[in-house]
N, C-alpha and C. Protein backbone atom coordinates (compact mmCIF):
# COMPACT_ATOMS: atom_id res chain seq x y z
N MET A 1 -31.38 -18.77 -49.88
CA MET A 1 -30.07 -18.18 -50.00
C MET A 1 -29.45 -17.97 -48.61
N LYS A 2 -30.28 -17.43 -47.64
CA LYS A 2 -29.78 -17.22 -46.29
C LYS A 2 -29.37 -18.54 -45.65
N LYS A 3 -30.13 -19.59 -45.94
CA LYS A 3 -29.85 -20.91 -45.39
C LYS A 3 -28.51 -21.42 -45.92
N LYS A 4 -28.25 -21.21 -47.22
CA LYS A 4 -27.00 -21.65 -47.82
C LYS A 4 -25.81 -20.88 -47.24
N ILE A 5 -25.97 -19.56 -47.05
CA ILE A 5 -24.91 -18.74 -46.46
C ILE A 5 -24.63 -19.20 -45.04
N ALA A 6 -25.69 -19.43 -44.26
CA ALA A 6 -25.52 -19.89 -42.89
C ALA A 6 -24.81 -21.24 -42.85
N HIS A 7 -25.16 -22.14 -43.77
CA HIS A 7 -24.51 -23.45 -43.84
C HIS A 7 -23.03 -23.29 -44.19
N THR A 8 -22.72 -22.40 -45.12
CA THR A 8 -21.34 -22.16 -45.52
C THR A 8 -20.53 -21.62 -44.35
N ILE A 9 -21.09 -20.65 -43.62
CA ILE A 9 -20.39 -20.07 -42.47
C ILE A 9 -20.17 -21.14 -41.41
N LEU A 10 -21.20 -21.93 -41.11
CA LEU A 10 -21.07 -22.98 -40.11
C LEU A 10 -19.99 -23.98 -40.52
N THR A 11 -19.97 -24.36 -41.79
CA THR A 11 -18.97 -25.30 -42.28
C THR A 11 -17.57 -24.73 -42.13
N MET A 12 -17.40 -23.45 -42.43
CA MET A 12 -16.08 -22.82 -42.31
C MET A 12 -15.64 -22.75 -40.85
N VAL A 13 -16.57 -22.48 -39.93
CA VAL A 13 -16.25 -22.44 -38.51
C VAL A 13 -15.81 -23.82 -38.03
N VAL A 14 -16.55 -24.83 -38.41
CA VAL A 14 -16.20 -26.20 -38.03
C VAL A 14 -14.83 -26.56 -38.60
N ALA A 15 -14.58 -26.19 -39.86
CA ALA A 15 -13.28 -26.47 -40.48
C ALA A 15 -12.16 -25.78 -39.72
N ALA A 16 -12.38 -24.54 -39.30
CA ALA A 16 -11.36 -23.80 -38.56
C ALA A 16 -11.08 -24.46 -37.21
N VAL A 17 -12.12 -24.91 -36.54
CA VAL A 17 -11.95 -25.58 -35.25
C VAL A 17 -11.13 -26.85 -35.42
N PHE A 18 -11.47 -27.66 -36.42
CA PHE A 18 -10.72 -28.90 -36.66
C PHE A 18 -9.30 -28.60 -37.08
N ALA A 19 -9.10 -27.61 -37.93
CA ALA A 19 -7.76 -27.31 -38.44
C ALA A 19 -6.83 -26.86 -37.33
N THR A 20 -7.35 -26.20 -36.31
CA THR A 20 -6.51 -25.75 -35.22
C THR A 20 -6.31 -26.82 -34.17
N GLY A 21 -7.01 -27.94 -34.31
CA GLY A 21 -6.85 -29.03 -33.36
C GLY A 21 -7.61 -28.80 -32.07
N ALA A 22 -8.49 -27.80 -32.04
CA ALA A 22 -9.22 -27.49 -30.82
C ALA A 22 -10.19 -28.59 -30.44
N VAL A 23 -10.66 -29.34 -31.40
CA VAL A 23 -11.55 -30.46 -31.12
C VAL A 23 -10.84 -31.71 -31.60
N THR A 24 -10.70 -32.70 -30.71
CA THR A 24 -9.98 -33.90 -31.12
C THR A 24 -10.87 -35.09 -31.39
N ALA A 25 -12.12 -35.01 -31.00
CA ALA A 25 -12.98 -36.16 -31.29
C ALA A 25 -14.44 -35.77 -31.28
N LEU A 26 -15.12 -36.17 -32.32
CA LEU A 26 -16.57 -36.09 -32.41
C LEU A 26 -17.01 -37.40 -33.02
N GLY A 27 -18.22 -37.80 -32.77
CA GLY A 27 -18.69 -39.06 -33.33
C GLY A 27 -18.47 -39.14 -34.82
N GLY A 28 -17.65 -40.10 -35.27
CA GLY A 28 -17.43 -40.31 -36.70
C GLY A 28 -16.43 -39.39 -37.33
N CYS A 29 -15.82 -38.45 -36.59
CA CYS A 29 -14.86 -37.50 -37.16
C CYS A 29 -13.51 -37.69 -36.50
N THR A 30 -12.44 -37.37 -37.24
CA THR A 30 -11.10 -37.43 -36.67
C THR A 30 -10.35 -36.19 -37.08
N THR A 31 -9.30 -35.88 -36.32
CA THR A 31 -8.45 -34.76 -36.67
C THR A 31 -7.04 -35.05 -36.21
N SER A 32 -6.07 -34.41 -36.82
CA SER A 32 -4.68 -34.52 -36.41
C SER A 32 -3.98 -33.27 -36.86
N GLY A 33 -2.77 -33.06 -36.37
CA GLY A 33 -2.00 -31.90 -36.77
C GLY A 33 -1.60 -31.95 -38.23
N ALA A 34 -1.74 -33.10 -38.87
CA ALA A 34 -1.33 -33.27 -40.26
C ALA A 34 -2.47 -33.04 -41.24
N GLY A 35 -3.52 -32.39 -40.81
CA GLY A 35 -4.66 -32.20 -41.69
C GLY A 35 -5.75 -33.15 -41.26
N ALA A 36 -6.96 -32.74 -41.39
CA ALA A 36 -8.06 -33.54 -40.87
C ALA A 36 -8.95 -34.02 -41.99
N SER A 37 -9.54 -35.16 -41.75
CA SER A 37 -10.58 -35.63 -42.66
C SER A 37 -11.61 -36.35 -41.83
N SER A 38 -12.81 -36.42 -42.33
CA SER A 38 -13.87 -37.11 -41.63
C SER A 38 -14.67 -37.92 -42.63
N GLN A 39 -15.42 -38.87 -42.12
CA GLN A 39 -16.25 -39.71 -42.96
C GLN A 39 -17.71 -39.40 -42.67
N THR A 40 -18.50 -39.24 -43.71
CA THR A 40 -19.93 -39.05 -43.54
C THR A 40 -20.61 -40.41 -43.68
N SER A 41 -21.90 -40.44 -43.48
CA SER A 41 -22.62 -41.71 -43.55
C SER A 41 -22.55 -42.34 -44.93
N ASP A 42 -22.28 -41.56 -45.97
CA ASP A 42 -22.16 -42.15 -47.31
C ASP A 42 -20.71 -42.49 -47.66
N SER A 43 -19.82 -42.47 -46.65
CA SER A 43 -18.41 -42.80 -46.78
C SER A 43 -17.65 -41.87 -47.71
N THR A 44 -18.16 -40.68 -47.95
CA THR A 44 -17.42 -39.69 -48.73
C THR A 44 -16.53 -38.92 -47.77
N PRO A 45 -15.20 -39.03 -47.90
CA PRO A 45 -14.32 -38.31 -47.00
C PRO A 45 -14.33 -36.81 -47.28
N HIS A 46 -14.08 -36.04 -46.25
CA HIS A 46 -13.99 -34.59 -46.38
C HIS A 46 -12.62 -34.17 -45.89
N VAL A 47 -11.98 -33.30 -46.61
CA VAL A 47 -10.65 -32.84 -46.24
C VAL A 47 -10.75 -31.41 -45.73
N LEU A 48 -9.99 -31.12 -44.68
CA LEU A 48 -10.01 -29.81 -44.05
C LEU A 48 -8.62 -29.18 -44.12
N PRO A 49 -8.55 -27.85 -44.05
CA PRO A 49 -7.25 -27.18 -44.12
C PRO A 49 -6.32 -27.61 -42.98
N THR A 50 -5.03 -27.52 -43.23
CA THR A 50 -4.02 -27.79 -42.22
C THR A 50 -3.07 -26.60 -42.14
N THR A 51 -2.39 -26.47 -41.02
CA THR A 51 -1.51 -25.32 -40.84
C THR A 51 -0.04 -25.65 -41.06
N LYS A 52 0.29 -26.93 -41.27
CA LYS A 52 1.69 -27.27 -41.52
C LYS A 52 1.80 -28.43 -42.50
N ASN A 53 2.95 -28.50 -43.14
CA ASN A 53 3.24 -29.56 -44.11
C ASN A 53 3.87 -30.73 -43.36
N PRO A 54 3.17 -31.86 -43.27
CA PRO A 54 3.72 -33.00 -42.54
C PRO A 54 4.65 -33.90 -43.37
N ILE A 55 4.85 -33.57 -44.64
CA ILE A 55 5.73 -34.40 -45.47
C ILE A 55 7.17 -34.24 -45.00
N VAL A 56 7.79 -35.38 -44.68
CA VAL A 56 9.20 -35.42 -44.33
C VAL A 56 9.86 -36.37 -45.32
N ASN A 57 10.51 -35.81 -46.31
CA ASN A 57 11.15 -36.60 -47.36
C ASN A 57 12.46 -35.91 -47.71
N THR A 58 13.56 -36.52 -47.31
CA THR A 58 14.87 -35.93 -47.58
C THR A 58 15.59 -36.59 -48.76
N SER A 59 14.89 -37.47 -49.47
CA SER A 59 15.51 -38.16 -50.60
C SER A 59 15.92 -37.17 -51.69
N THR A 60 17.05 -37.46 -52.29
CA THR A 60 17.52 -36.67 -53.43
C THR A 60 17.56 -37.52 -54.70
N VAL A 61 17.00 -38.73 -54.61
CA VAL A 61 16.99 -39.66 -55.74
C VAL A 61 15.95 -39.20 -56.76
N PRO A 62 16.37 -38.92 -58.00
CA PRO A 62 15.40 -38.51 -59.02
C PRO A 62 14.48 -39.67 -59.40
N GLY A 63 13.36 -39.34 -59.99
CA GLY A 63 12.46 -40.39 -60.46
C GLY A 63 11.00 -39.99 -60.48
N LEU A 64 10.60 -39.08 -59.60
CA LEU A 64 9.22 -38.62 -59.55
C LEU A 64 9.14 -37.23 -60.17
N THR A 65 8.24 -37.08 -61.13
CA THR A 65 8.06 -35.80 -61.81
C THR A 65 6.58 -35.48 -61.91
N VAL A 66 6.23 -34.21 -61.73
CA VAL A 66 4.87 -33.76 -62.03
C VAL A 66 4.89 -33.30 -63.48
N LEU A 67 4.21 -34.03 -64.35
CA LEU A 67 4.16 -33.67 -65.77
C LEU A 67 3.22 -32.50 -66.01
N GLN A 68 2.12 -32.46 -65.23
CA GLN A 68 1.12 -31.41 -65.42
C GLN A 68 0.29 -31.27 -64.15
N ALA A 69 -0.06 -30.03 -63.84
CA ALA A 69 -1.01 -29.74 -62.76
C ALA A 69 -1.96 -28.68 -63.28
N VAL A 70 -3.26 -28.95 -63.22
CA VAL A 70 -4.26 -28.00 -63.70
C VAL A 70 -5.38 -27.87 -62.68
N ALA A 71 -6.03 -26.71 -62.70
CA ALA A 71 -7.16 -26.45 -61.80
C ALA A 71 -8.37 -25.93 -62.56
N GLU A 72 -8.26 -25.84 -63.88
CA GLU A 72 -9.39 -25.46 -64.73
C GLU A 72 -9.07 -25.90 -66.15
N ASN A 73 -10.11 -25.89 -66.99
CA ASN A 73 -9.96 -26.35 -68.37
C ASN A 73 -9.40 -27.77 -68.43
N ASN A 74 -9.87 -28.61 -67.52
CA ASN A 74 -9.37 -29.98 -67.40
C ASN A 74 -9.78 -30.84 -68.59
N VAL A 75 -8.92 -31.79 -68.89
CA VAL A 75 -9.16 -32.76 -69.96
C VAL A 75 -8.83 -34.14 -69.41
N ASP A 76 -9.70 -35.11 -69.67
CA ASP A 76 -9.44 -36.48 -69.26
C ASP A 76 -8.27 -37.00 -70.09
N PRO A 77 -7.18 -37.47 -69.45
CA PRO A 77 -6.02 -37.92 -70.22
C PRO A 77 -6.29 -39.15 -71.08
N SER A 78 -7.27 -39.96 -70.70
CA SER A 78 -7.58 -41.16 -71.49
C SER A 78 -8.44 -40.86 -72.70
N THR A 79 -9.52 -40.09 -72.48
CA THR A 79 -10.48 -39.82 -73.56
C THR A 79 -10.16 -38.55 -74.33
N LYS A 80 -9.33 -37.69 -73.75
CA LYS A 80 -8.98 -36.38 -74.32
C LYS A 80 -10.20 -35.46 -74.40
N LYS A 81 -11.24 -35.76 -73.61
CA LYS A 81 -12.46 -34.94 -73.59
C LYS A 81 -12.47 -34.05 -72.36
N PRO A 82 -13.13 -32.88 -72.47
CA PRO A 82 -13.23 -31.97 -71.32
C PRO A 82 -13.96 -32.63 -70.15
N ILE A 83 -13.48 -32.34 -68.94
CA ILE A 83 -14.14 -32.78 -67.71
C ILE A 83 -14.27 -31.58 -66.78
N ALA A 84 -15.09 -31.72 -65.76
CA ALA A 84 -15.33 -30.61 -64.82
C ALA A 84 -14.03 -30.17 -64.15
N ASP A 85 -13.95 -28.87 -63.85
CA ASP A 85 -12.77 -28.32 -63.19
C ASP A 85 -12.53 -29.00 -61.85
N ARG A 86 -11.26 -29.23 -61.56
CA ARG A 86 -10.81 -29.84 -60.32
C ARG A 86 -9.29 -29.73 -60.29
N LEU A 87 -8.68 -29.92 -59.14
CA LEU A 87 -7.23 -30.03 -59.12
C LEU A 87 -6.89 -31.40 -59.69
N GLN A 88 -6.05 -31.41 -60.70
CA GLN A 88 -5.69 -32.64 -61.42
C GLN A 88 -4.17 -32.62 -61.60
N VAL A 89 -3.51 -33.67 -61.11
CA VAL A 89 -2.05 -33.72 -61.12
C VAL A 89 -1.60 -35.01 -61.82
N THR A 90 -0.78 -34.86 -62.87
CA THR A 90 -0.27 -36.01 -63.62
C THR A 90 1.18 -36.24 -63.22
N LEU A 91 1.46 -37.47 -62.78
CA LEU A 91 2.77 -37.85 -62.24
C LEU A 91 3.45 -38.88 -63.13
N LYS A 92 4.78 -38.82 -63.19
CA LYS A 92 5.55 -39.81 -63.95
C LYS A 92 6.63 -40.40 -63.06
N ASN A 93 6.79 -41.71 -63.17
CA ASN A 93 7.86 -42.42 -62.49
C ASN A 93 8.93 -42.75 -63.52
N SER A 94 10.04 -42.02 -63.49
CA SER A 94 11.13 -42.28 -64.43
C SER A 94 12.23 -43.13 -63.79
N SER A 95 11.96 -43.67 -62.60
CA SER A 95 12.95 -44.52 -61.93
C SER A 95 12.82 -45.97 -62.41
N THR A 96 13.66 -46.84 -61.86
CA THR A 96 13.61 -48.26 -62.21
C THR A 96 12.86 -49.08 -61.16
N SER A 97 12.28 -48.41 -60.17
CA SER A 97 11.53 -49.08 -59.11
C SER A 97 10.10 -48.57 -59.09
N THR A 98 9.18 -49.40 -58.63
CA THR A 98 7.79 -48.97 -58.43
C THR A 98 7.75 -47.95 -57.30
N LEU A 99 7.03 -46.87 -57.50
CA LEU A 99 6.88 -45.85 -56.46
C LEU A 99 5.54 -46.05 -55.75
N ASP A 100 5.58 -45.88 -54.42
CA ASP A 100 4.36 -45.93 -53.62
C ASP A 100 4.56 -45.02 -52.41
N GLY A 101 3.65 -45.08 -51.46
CA GLY A 101 3.75 -44.21 -50.29
C GLY A 101 3.58 -42.74 -50.65
N PHE A 102 2.72 -42.46 -51.60
CA PHE A 102 2.53 -41.09 -52.08
C PHE A 102 1.80 -40.22 -51.06
N GLN A 103 2.22 -38.96 -51.01
CA GLN A 103 1.57 -37.92 -50.21
C GLN A 103 1.55 -36.65 -51.04
N ILE A 104 0.55 -35.82 -50.80
CA ILE A 104 0.50 -34.52 -51.47
C ILE A 104 0.20 -33.43 -50.45
N TYR A 105 0.83 -32.30 -50.66
CA TYR A 105 0.58 -31.11 -49.84
C TYR A 105 0.47 -29.95 -50.82
N TYR A 106 -0.63 -29.22 -50.74
CA TYR A 106 -0.78 -28.08 -51.64
C TYR A 106 -1.36 -26.88 -50.90
N THR A 107 -0.89 -25.72 -51.33
CA THR A 107 -1.38 -24.45 -50.78
C THR A 107 -2.03 -23.68 -51.90
N MET A 108 -3.23 -23.19 -51.65
CA MET A 108 -3.92 -22.35 -52.62
C MET A 108 -3.97 -20.93 -52.06
N THR A 109 -3.63 -19.96 -52.91
CA THR A 109 -3.56 -18.57 -52.47
C THR A 109 -4.38 -17.69 -53.41
N ASP A 110 -5.28 -16.91 -52.84
CA ASP A 110 -6.05 -15.91 -53.58
C ASP A 110 -5.10 -14.77 -53.89
N THR A 111 -4.88 -14.47 -55.17
CA THR A 111 -3.88 -13.47 -55.56
C THR A 111 -4.30 -12.04 -55.24
N LYS A 112 -5.58 -11.80 -54.98
CA LYS A 112 -6.03 -10.45 -54.65
C LYS A 112 -6.04 -10.21 -53.14
N THR A 113 -6.61 -11.15 -52.38
CA THR A 113 -6.73 -10.97 -50.93
C THR A 113 -5.52 -11.53 -50.19
N HIS A 114 -4.73 -12.37 -50.85
CA HIS A 114 -3.57 -13.05 -50.29
C HIS A 114 -3.94 -14.07 -49.21
N LYS A 115 -5.22 -14.38 -49.09
CA LYS A 115 -5.66 -15.43 -48.17
C LYS A 115 -5.19 -16.76 -48.75
N SER A 116 -4.74 -17.65 -47.86
CA SER A 116 -4.30 -18.96 -48.35
C SER A 116 -4.82 -20.08 -47.45
N GLU A 117 -4.90 -21.26 -48.02
CA GLU A 117 -5.27 -22.48 -47.32
C GLU A 117 -4.36 -23.58 -47.81
N SER A 118 -4.01 -24.49 -46.90
CA SER A 118 -3.17 -25.62 -47.27
C SER A 118 -3.87 -26.92 -46.94
N TYR A 119 -3.59 -27.94 -47.74
CA TYR A 119 -4.20 -29.26 -47.57
C TYR A 119 -3.14 -30.34 -47.72
N TYR A 120 -3.28 -31.39 -46.93
CA TYR A 120 -2.39 -32.55 -46.99
C TYR A 120 -3.25 -33.80 -47.12
N GLN A 121 -2.79 -34.73 -47.96
CA GLN A 121 -3.47 -36.01 -48.07
C GLN A 121 -2.47 -37.11 -48.43
N PRO A 122 -2.57 -38.25 -47.75
CA PRO A 122 -1.86 -39.42 -48.27
C PRO A 122 -2.64 -39.91 -49.48
N LEU A 123 -1.96 -40.28 -50.53
CA LEU A 123 -2.62 -40.76 -51.74
C LEU A 123 -2.73 -42.28 -51.66
N THR A 124 -3.60 -42.71 -50.78
CA THR A 124 -3.80 -44.12 -50.47
C THR A 124 -4.12 -44.92 -51.73
N GLY A 125 -3.41 -46.02 -51.90
CA GLY A 125 -3.67 -46.91 -53.02
C GLY A 125 -2.91 -46.58 -54.29
N LEU A 126 -2.24 -45.45 -54.34
CA LEU A 126 -1.54 -45.05 -55.56
C LEU A 126 -0.16 -45.71 -55.62
N THR A 127 0.10 -46.41 -56.70
CA THR A 127 1.43 -46.92 -57.02
C THR A 127 1.67 -46.63 -58.50
N ILE A 128 2.93 -46.34 -58.82
CA ILE A 128 3.27 -46.07 -60.22
C ILE A 128 4.47 -46.94 -60.59
N ALA A 129 4.28 -47.79 -61.58
CA ALA A 129 5.33 -48.69 -62.05
C ALA A 129 6.44 -47.89 -62.75
N PRO A 130 7.63 -48.46 -62.86
CA PRO A 130 8.72 -47.78 -63.56
C PRO A 130 8.30 -47.38 -64.98
N GLY A 131 8.56 -46.13 -65.33
CA GLY A 131 8.24 -45.62 -66.66
C GLY A 131 6.78 -45.26 -66.88
N ALA A 132 5.93 -45.50 -65.88
CA ALA A 132 4.49 -45.26 -66.04
C ALA A 132 4.09 -43.85 -65.60
N VAL A 133 2.89 -43.48 -66.02
CA VAL A 133 2.29 -42.18 -65.71
C VAL A 133 0.95 -42.43 -65.04
N ALA A 134 0.61 -41.61 -64.05
CA ALA A 134 -0.70 -41.70 -63.40
C ALA A 134 -1.21 -40.29 -63.14
N THR A 135 -2.52 -40.12 -63.25
CA THR A 135 -3.15 -38.83 -62.96
C THR A 135 -4.04 -39.00 -61.74
N VAL A 136 -3.92 -38.05 -60.79
CA VAL A 136 -4.76 -38.05 -59.60
C VAL A 136 -5.68 -36.84 -59.66
N TYR A 137 -6.88 -37.02 -59.11
CA TYR A 137 -7.93 -36.00 -59.18
C TYR A 137 -8.44 -35.71 -57.78
N PHE A 138 -8.66 -34.44 -57.48
CA PHE A 138 -9.23 -34.03 -56.20
C PHE A 138 -10.62 -33.49 -56.51
N ASP A 139 -11.62 -34.40 -56.39
CA ASP A 139 -12.95 -34.10 -56.92
C ASP A 139 -14.10 -34.76 -56.17
N ASN A 140 -13.80 -35.40 -55.04
CA ASN A 140 -14.83 -36.08 -54.24
C ASN A 140 -15.52 -37.21 -54.98
N GLN A 141 -14.94 -37.68 -56.06
CA GLN A 141 -15.51 -38.83 -56.77
C GLN A 141 -14.87 -40.11 -56.24
N HIS A 142 -15.53 -41.22 -56.47
CA HIS A 142 -15.02 -42.52 -56.04
C HIS A 142 -14.27 -43.18 -57.18
N GLY A 143 -13.35 -44.05 -56.84
CA GLY A 143 -12.61 -44.80 -57.84
C GLY A 143 -11.12 -44.57 -57.71
N ALA A 144 -10.38 -45.33 -58.49
CA ALA A 144 -8.92 -45.24 -58.45
C ALA A 144 -8.46 -43.83 -58.78
N ASN A 145 -7.51 -43.34 -58.00
CA ASN A 145 -6.85 -42.05 -58.20
C ASN A 145 -7.76 -40.85 -57.99
N HIS A 146 -8.92 -41.03 -57.37
CA HIS A 146 -9.80 -39.92 -57.02
C HIS A 146 -9.75 -39.72 -55.52
N TYR A 147 -9.56 -38.47 -55.10
CA TYR A 147 -9.39 -38.13 -53.69
C TYR A 147 -10.32 -36.97 -53.33
N PRO A 148 -10.56 -36.79 -52.03
CA PRO A 148 -11.50 -35.74 -51.61
C PRO A 148 -10.93 -34.33 -51.77
N GLU A 149 -11.84 -33.38 -51.85
CA GLU A 149 -11.49 -31.96 -51.84
C GLU A 149 -12.45 -31.25 -50.90
N ASN A 150 -12.08 -30.07 -50.44
CA ASN A 150 -12.95 -29.25 -49.62
C ASN A 150 -13.77 -28.36 -50.56
N THR A 151 -15.06 -28.62 -50.65
CA THR A 151 -15.91 -27.85 -51.56
C THR A 151 -16.13 -26.42 -51.09
N PHE A 152 -15.66 -26.08 -49.89
CA PHE A 152 -15.77 -24.71 -49.38
C PHE A 152 -14.40 -24.03 -49.34
N SER A 153 -13.45 -24.57 -50.08
CA SER A 153 -12.09 -24.01 -50.10
C SER A 153 -12.06 -22.71 -50.90
N ILE A 154 -10.92 -22.03 -50.81
CA ILE A 154 -10.70 -20.82 -51.61
C ILE A 154 -10.88 -21.13 -53.09
N TYR A 155 -10.42 -22.30 -53.51
CA TYR A 155 -10.53 -22.71 -54.91
C TYR A 155 -11.97 -22.66 -55.39
N ARG A 156 -12.88 -23.12 -54.57
CA ARG A 156 -14.29 -23.19 -54.96
C ARG A 156 -15.08 -21.93 -54.65
N THR A 157 -14.59 -21.06 -53.77
CA THR A 157 -15.38 -19.90 -53.35
C THR A 157 -14.84 -18.54 -53.78
N SER A 158 -13.56 -18.44 -54.08
CA SER A 158 -12.99 -17.14 -54.44
C SER A 158 -13.37 -16.73 -55.86
N GLN A 159 -13.70 -15.47 -56.03
CA GLN A 159 -13.96 -14.90 -57.36
C GLN A 159 -12.67 -14.45 -58.04
N ASN A 160 -11.55 -14.53 -57.33
CA ASN A 160 -10.26 -14.04 -57.83
C ASN A 160 -9.42 -15.20 -58.37
N ASN A 161 -8.28 -14.84 -58.99
CA ASN A 161 -7.32 -15.86 -59.39
C ASN A 161 -6.83 -16.58 -58.14
N VAL A 162 -6.64 -17.88 -58.25
CA VAL A 162 -6.11 -18.68 -57.15
C VAL A 162 -4.93 -19.48 -57.69
N VAL A 163 -3.79 -19.36 -57.01
CA VAL A 163 -2.58 -20.06 -57.41
C VAL A 163 -2.35 -21.23 -56.46
N PHE A 164 -2.07 -22.40 -57.04
CA PHE A 164 -1.75 -23.60 -56.26
C PHE A 164 -0.24 -23.81 -56.27
N SER A 165 0.33 -24.08 -55.12
CA SER A 165 1.71 -24.53 -54.99
C SER A 165 1.64 -25.96 -54.48
N ILE A 166 2.20 -26.91 -55.23
CA ILE A 166 1.97 -28.33 -55.00
C ILE A 166 3.29 -29.07 -54.75
N GLU A 167 3.30 -29.94 -53.73
CA GLU A 167 4.41 -30.85 -53.46
C GLU A 167 3.87 -32.27 -53.46
N VAL A 168 4.54 -33.16 -54.17
CA VAL A 168 4.16 -34.58 -54.17
C VAL A 168 5.38 -35.38 -53.73
N SER A 169 5.14 -36.31 -52.80
CA SER A 169 6.21 -37.15 -52.27
C SER A 169 5.87 -38.62 -52.48
N ALA A 170 6.90 -39.43 -52.71
CA ALA A 170 6.77 -40.89 -52.77
C ALA A 170 7.99 -41.46 -52.05
N LYS A 171 7.84 -42.64 -51.46
CA LYS A 171 8.95 -43.28 -50.76
C LYS A 171 10.12 -43.50 -51.71
N GLY A 172 11.31 -43.07 -51.28
CA GLY A 172 12.52 -43.34 -52.03
C GLY A 172 12.81 -42.43 -53.20
N ALA A 173 12.00 -41.39 -53.39
CA ALA A 173 12.23 -40.44 -54.50
C ALA A 173 12.18 -39.02 -53.97
N ALA A 174 12.91 -38.14 -54.63
CA ALA A 174 12.89 -36.73 -54.25
C ALA A 174 11.49 -36.15 -54.47
N VAL A 175 11.14 -35.18 -53.65
CA VAL A 175 9.85 -34.50 -53.77
C VAL A 175 9.76 -33.80 -55.12
N ALA A 176 8.60 -33.88 -55.75
CA ALA A 176 8.33 -33.18 -57.01
C ALA A 176 7.40 -32.01 -56.72
N THR A 177 7.60 -30.91 -57.43
CA THR A 177 6.77 -29.72 -57.20
C THR A 177 6.14 -29.25 -58.51
N ALA A 178 5.07 -28.49 -58.35
CA ALA A 178 4.37 -27.93 -59.51
C ALA A 178 3.50 -26.78 -59.03
N SER A 179 2.89 -26.10 -60.00
CA SER A 179 1.91 -25.06 -59.68
C SER A 179 0.77 -25.15 -60.68
N ALA A 180 -0.35 -24.60 -60.27
CA ALA A 180 -1.54 -24.54 -61.14
C ALA A 180 -2.26 -23.24 -60.82
N VAL A 181 -3.11 -22.78 -61.74
CA VAL A 181 -3.83 -21.52 -61.55
C VAL A 181 -5.29 -21.69 -61.93
N LYS A 182 -6.16 -21.12 -61.09
CA LYS A 182 -7.58 -21.00 -61.41
C LYS A 182 -7.81 -19.53 -61.72
N GLY A 183 -8.43 -19.24 -62.84
CA GLY A 183 -8.71 -17.86 -63.22
C GLY A 183 -9.84 -17.26 -62.41
N LYS A 184 -10.18 -16.02 -62.70
CA LYS A 184 -11.24 -15.31 -61.99
C LYS A 184 -12.58 -16.01 -62.16
N GLY A 185 -13.41 -15.90 -61.12
CA GLY A 185 -14.76 -16.48 -61.15
C GLY A 185 -14.80 -17.82 -60.45
N THR A 186 -16.01 -18.26 -60.10
CA THR A 186 -16.17 -19.57 -59.47
C THR A 186 -17.06 -20.47 -60.29
N GLY A 187 -17.59 -19.99 -61.39
CA GLY A 187 -18.52 -20.78 -62.18
C GLY A 187 -17.83 -21.92 -62.89
N GLU A 188 -18.42 -23.09 -62.82
CA GLU A 188 -17.88 -24.27 -63.48
C GLU A 188 -18.23 -24.24 -64.96
N VAL A 189 -17.23 -24.36 -65.78
CA VAL A 189 -17.44 -24.47 -67.22
C VAL A 189 -16.67 -25.69 -67.68
N VAL A 190 -17.39 -26.77 -67.99
CA VAL A 190 -16.71 -27.98 -68.44
C VAL A 190 -16.00 -27.68 -69.74
N GLY A 191 -14.67 -27.85 -69.70
CA GLY A 191 -13.86 -27.61 -70.88
C GLY A 191 -13.69 -26.14 -71.19
N GLY A 192 -14.16 -25.24 -70.31
CA GLY A 192 -14.11 -23.81 -70.59
C GLY A 192 -12.93 -23.11 -70.04
């Protein structure tokens, strides 16, 4: 238990150093003011908190909508079966053009302590055809529409309610926003 606590503290310290930009290079790791990520030997990316939203999108053209954002009681949209809790965002392209160049910025806030963390990620590889819907998952899994998450984030460690404020951007479309809530506790309950 002490070893796990020490590892958690060390990970949080490293994350804080990277998030502030105090360290700009370590073997195999990168950082930038727009949020940091690093690659481990198994090629699983890790995402770290950022202090500012790097999304610059002034488009007012409608077309991108967040149909749903959830952080618990998740259901696979294809199978309609319960899946493990994660941030899951379902997007719709109601425009007449294919959307790409997706980015996401989200802030999670503990409603009791008011502590917050923000994360930014380009949604590499995501394109949505006109009239189509796509769901993206932040779960450290591999495959299409799966992106990294920080397993030591407020979402995963807080025993309190956590509220997500989410912005999604795509080239040529106005930014879409949404929110999601994680209830009290940190225990994973598939479909619970």
